[in-house]
C-alpha atoms as a PDB file:
ATOM      1  CA  MET A   1      -5.797  21.019 -12.047  1.00  0.00           C
ATOM      2  CA  LYS A   2      -3.509  18.291 -10.707  1.00  0.00           C
ATOM      3  CA  LEU A   3      -3.912  15.103  -8.740  1.00  0.00           C
ATOM      4  CA  LYS A   4      -2.786  15.910  -5.211  1.00  0.00           C
ATOM      5  CA  ASN A   5      -3.190  12.734  -3.134  1.00  0.00           C
ATOM      6  CA  TYR A   6      -4.551   9.233  -3.177  1.00  0.00           C
ATOM      7  CA  LEU A   7      -6.335   7.802  -0.163  1.00  0.00           C
ATOM      8  CA  ILE A   8      -6.620   4.265   1.152  1.00  0.00           C
ATOM      9  CA  VAL A   9      -8.795   3.041   3.995  1.00  0.00           C
ATOM     10  CA  VAL A  10      -7.140   1.341   6.970  1.00  0.00           C
ATOM     11  CA  LYS A  11      -8.339  -0.126  10.244  1.00  0.00           C
ATOM     12  CA  ASP A  12      -5.368   0.891  12.420  1.00  0.00           C
ATOM     13  CA  ILE A  13      -3.694   4.079  11.197  1.00  0.00           C
ATOM     14  CA  GLU A  14      -0.530   3.686  13.316  1.00  0.00           C
ATOM     15  CA  LYS A  15      -0.021   0.084  12.193  1.00  0.00           C
ATOM     16  CA  SER A  16      -0.457   1.199   8.579  1.00  0.00           C
ATOM     17  CA  ARG A  17       1.890   4.168   9.003  1.00  0.00           C
ATOM     18  CA  LYS A  18       4.578   1.786  10.268  1.00  0.00           C
ATOM     19  CA  TYR A  19       3.908  -0.674   7.431  1.00  0.00           C
ATOM     20  CA  TYR A  20       4.315   1.956   4.703  1.00  0.00           C
ATOM     21  CA  GLN A  21       7.370   3.409   6.415  1.00  0.00           C
ATOM     22  CA  ASP A  22       9.017  -0.010   6.906  1.00  0.00           C
ATOM     23  CA  LEU A  23       8.481  -1.206   3.337  1.00  0.00           C
ATOM     24  CA  PHE A  24       8.450   1.951   1.233  1.00  0.00           C
ATOM     25  CA  GLY A  25      10.190   4.596   3.343  1.00  0.00           C
ATOM     26  CA  LEU A  26       7.119   6.854   3.398  1.00  0.00           C
ATOM     27  CA  GLU A  27       7.159   9.410   6.202  1.00  0.00           C
ATOM     28  CA  MET A  28       4.253  11.026   8.007  1.00  0.00           C
ATOM     29  CA  LEU A  29       3.817  14.643   6.946  1.00  0.00           C
ATOM     30  CA  GLN A  30       0.588  15.458   8.776  1.00  0.00           C
ATOM     31  CA  ASP A  31      -1.639  13.696  11.300  1.00  0.00           C
ATOM     32  CA  ASN A  32      -5.249  14.884  11.392  1.00  0.00           C
ATOM     33  CA  ASP A  33      -6.682  12.390  13.901  1.00  0.00           C
ATOM     34  CA  GLY A  34      -7.852   9.565  11.679  1.00  0.00           C
ATOM     35  CA  ASN A  35      -6.545  11.054   8.448  1.00  0.00           C
ATOM     36  CA  MET A  36      -2.784  10.905   7.955  1.00  0.00           C
ATOM     37  CA  ILE A  37      -0.827  12.303   5.017  1.00  0.00           C
ATOM     38  CA  LEU A  38       2.369  10.438   4.157  1.00  0.00           C
ATOM     39  CA  SER A  39       5.124  11.455   1.773  1.00  0.00           C
ATOM     40  CA  ASP A  40       4.645  10.766  -1.950  1.00  0.00           C
ATOM     41  CA  GLY A  41       0.949  11.671  -1.683  1.00  0.00           C
ATOM     42  CA  LEU A  42      -0.421   8.635   0.157  1.00  0.00           C
ATOM     43  CA  VAL A  43      -3.217   9.416   2.618  1.00  0.00           C
ATOM     44  CA  LEU A  44      -4.368   6.912   5.228  1.00  0.00           C
ATOM     45  CA  GLN A  45      -7.989   7.252   6.353  1.00  0.00           C
ATOM     46  CA  GLU A  46      -9.298   5.263   9.317  1.00  0.00           C
ATOM     47  CA  GLU A  47     -12.126   2.966   8.299  1.00  0.00           C
ATOM     48  CA  LYS A  48     -14.573   4.250  10.915  1.00  0.00           C
ATOM     49  CA  TYR A  49     -14.397   7.777   9.471  1.00  0.00           C
ATOM     50  CA  TRP A  50     -14.566   6.618   5.855  1.00  0.00           C
ATOM     51  CA  ARG A  51     -17.630   4.487   6.602  1.00  0.00           C
ATOM     52  CA  THR A  52     -19.285   7.516   8.230  1.00  0.00           C
ATOM     53  CA  PHE A  53     -18.454   9.785   5.268  1.00  0.00           C
ATOM     54  CA  LEU A  54     -19.774   7.314   2.698  1.00  0.00           C
ATOM     55  CA  GLY A  55     -22.567   5.725   4.684  1.00  0.00           C
ATOM     56  CA  LYS A  56     -21.453   2.380   3.232  1.00  0.00           C
ATOM     57  CA  ASP A  57     -19.285  -0.557   4.230  1.00  0.00           C
ATOM     58  CA  VAL A  58     -15.657  -0.798   3.167  1.00  0.00           C
ATOM     59  CA  ILE A  59     -14.898  -3.846   1.016  1.00  0.00           C
ATOM     60  CA  PRO A  60     -11.308  -5.056   1.524  1.00  0.00           C
ATOM     61  CA  GLN A  61      -9.574  -6.911  -1.304  1.00  0.00           C
ATOM     62  CA  ASN A  62     -12.029  -5.528  -3.847  1.00  0.00           C
ATOM     63  CA  ASN A  63      -9.249  -5.561  -6.481  1.00  0.00           C
ATOM     64  CA  ALA A  64     -10.587  -2.369  -8.073  1.00  0.00           C
ATOM     65  CA  CYS A  65      -7.259  -0.516  -7.887  1.00  0.00           C
ATOM     66  CA  GLU A  66      -3.688  -0.935  -6.710  1.00  0.00           C
ATOM     67  CA  LEU A  67      -0.815   1.101  -5.385  1.00  0.00           C
ATOM     68  CA  TYR A  68       2.149   0.731  -7.750  1.00  0.00           C
ATOM     69  CA  PHE A  69       5.752   1.219  -6.674  1.00  0.00           C
ATOM     70  CA  GLU A  70       8.951   0.758  -8.664  1.00  0.00           C
ATOM     71  CA  GLU A  71      12.101  -0.754  -7.167  1.00  0.00           C
ATOM     72  CA  SER A  72      15.289  -1.623  -9.027  1.00  0.00           C
ATOM     73  CA  ASP A  73      16.410  -4.048  -6.267  1.00  0.00           C
ATOM     74  CA  ILE A  74      13.266  -6.165  -6.498  1.00  0.00           C
ATOM     75  CA  GLU A  75      14.908  -9.249  -4.961  1.00  0.00           C
ATOM     76  CA  GLY A  76      15.981  -7.183  -1.950  1.00  0.00           C
ATOM     77  CA  PHE A  77      12.477  -5.785  -1.608  1.00  0.00           C
ATOM     78  CA  ALA A  78      10.932  -9.285  -1.796  1.00  0.00           C
ATOM     79  CA  ARG A  79      13.287 -10.472   0.964  1.00  0.00           C
ATOM     80  CA  LYS A  80      12.445  -7.437   3.118  1.00  0.00           C
ATOM     81  CA  LEU A  81       8.720  -8.050   2.651  1.00  0.00           C
ATOM     82  CA  GLU A  82       9.049 -11.724   3.616  1.00  0.00           C
ATOM     83  CA  THR A  83      11.261 -10.894   6.617  1.00  0.00           C
ATOM     84  CA  LEU A  84       9.277  -7.965   8.043  1.00  0.00           C
ATOM     85  CA  TYR A  85       5.780  -9.180   7.148  1.00  0.00           C
ATOM     86  CA  PRO A  86       5.817 -12.989   6.751  1.00  0.00           C
ATOM     87  CA  GLU A  87       2.015 -13.099   7.097  1.00  0.00           C
ATOM     88  CA  THR A  88       1.624 -11.204   3.793  1.00  0.00           C
ATOM     89  CA  GLU A  89      -1.097 -12.484   1.482  1.00  0.00           C
ATOM     90  CA  TYR A  90       0.250 -12.594  -2.064  1.00  0.00           C
ATOM     91  CA  VAL A  91      -1.526 -12.310  -5.378  1.00  0.00           C
ATOM     92  CA  ASN A  92       1.750 -13.444  -6.909  1.00  0.00           C
ATOM     93  CA  LYS A  93       5.203 -13.778  -5.450  1.00  0.00           C
ATOM     94  CA  LEU A  94       8.126 -12.429  -7.450  1.00  0.00           C
ATOM     95  CA  MET A  95       7.606 -13.242 -11.130  1.00  0.00           C
ATOM     96  CA  THR A  96       8.753 -12.053 -14.538  1.00  0.00           C
ATOM     97  CA  HIS A  97       6.262 -10.839 -17.130  1.00  0.00           C
ATOM     98  CA  SER A  98       6.721 -11.762 -20.805  1.00  0.00           C
ATOM     99  CA  TRP A  99       8.005  -8.201 -21.465  1.00  0.00           C
ATOM    100  CA  GLY A 100      10.778  -8.675 -18.876  1.00  0.00           C
ATOM    101  CA  GLN A 101       9.475  -6.661 -15.942  1.00  0.00           C
ATOM    102  CA  ARG A 102       9.767  -8.381 -12.560  1.00  0.00           C
ATOM    103  CA  VAL A 103       6.880  -7.797 -10.147  1.00  0.00           C
ATOM    104  CA  VAL A 104       5.382  -8.922  -6.876  1.00  0.00           C
ATOM    105  CA  ARG A 105       1.723  -8.289  -5.955  1.00  0.00           C
ATOM    106  CA  PHE A 106       0.278  -8.535  -2.471  1.00  0.00           C
ATOM    107  CA  TYR A 107      -2.241  -7.057  -0.064  1.00  0.00           C
ATOM    108  CA  ASP A 108      -1.399  -4.710   2.759  1.00  0.00           C
ATOM    109  CA  PRO A 109      -2.851  -5.621   6.193  1.00  0.00           C
ATOM    110  CA  ASP A 110      -6.151  -3.928   5.230  1.00  0.00           C
ATOM    111  CA  GLY A 111      -6.611  -5.629   1.875  1.00  0.00           C
ATOM    112  CA  ASN A 112      -5.317  -2.801  -0.314  1.00  0.00           C
ATOM    113  CA  LEU A 113      -3.628  -4.245  -3.394  1.00  0.00           C
ATOM    114  CA  ILE A 114       0.026  -3.318  -3.956  1.00  0.00           C
ATOM    115  CA  GLU A 115       2.325  -4.023  -6.878  1.00  0.00           C
ATOM    116  CA  VAL A 116       6.074  -3.497  -6.761  1.00  0.00           C
ATOM    117  CA  GLY A 117       7.872  -3.804 -10.075  1.00  0.00           C
ATOM    118  CA  THR A 118      11.205  -3.089 -11.636  1.00  0.00           C
ATOM    119  CA  PRO A 119      11.402   0.191 -13.577  1.00  0.00           C
ATOM    120  CA  MET A 120      10.333  -0.040 -17.198  1.00  0.00           C
END
């Protein structure tokens, strides 16, 4: 068995597709009307469908998990994030951990937590 995809819930699937393409270069592989598969295994699921499947409300910014990306040009990424999405809500702007890794943590427009760090 292998892990195939990971799914996040979004309000506006086209807005989210653009966001993940702009910042991370992810491309749409398949569009299933409310469920979109992007490259690197990320699946976007529209909130209205997810709520129907679960029968429960979606809780944005629940901080229960994060998407983690690595980027060697972390300063360039931080500038791109600030330029393209100045309204970004940060957990922490670019910082350096005690072990030397540089990271930035923030929420996507739907409250999904993202971390971008330098390779370890």
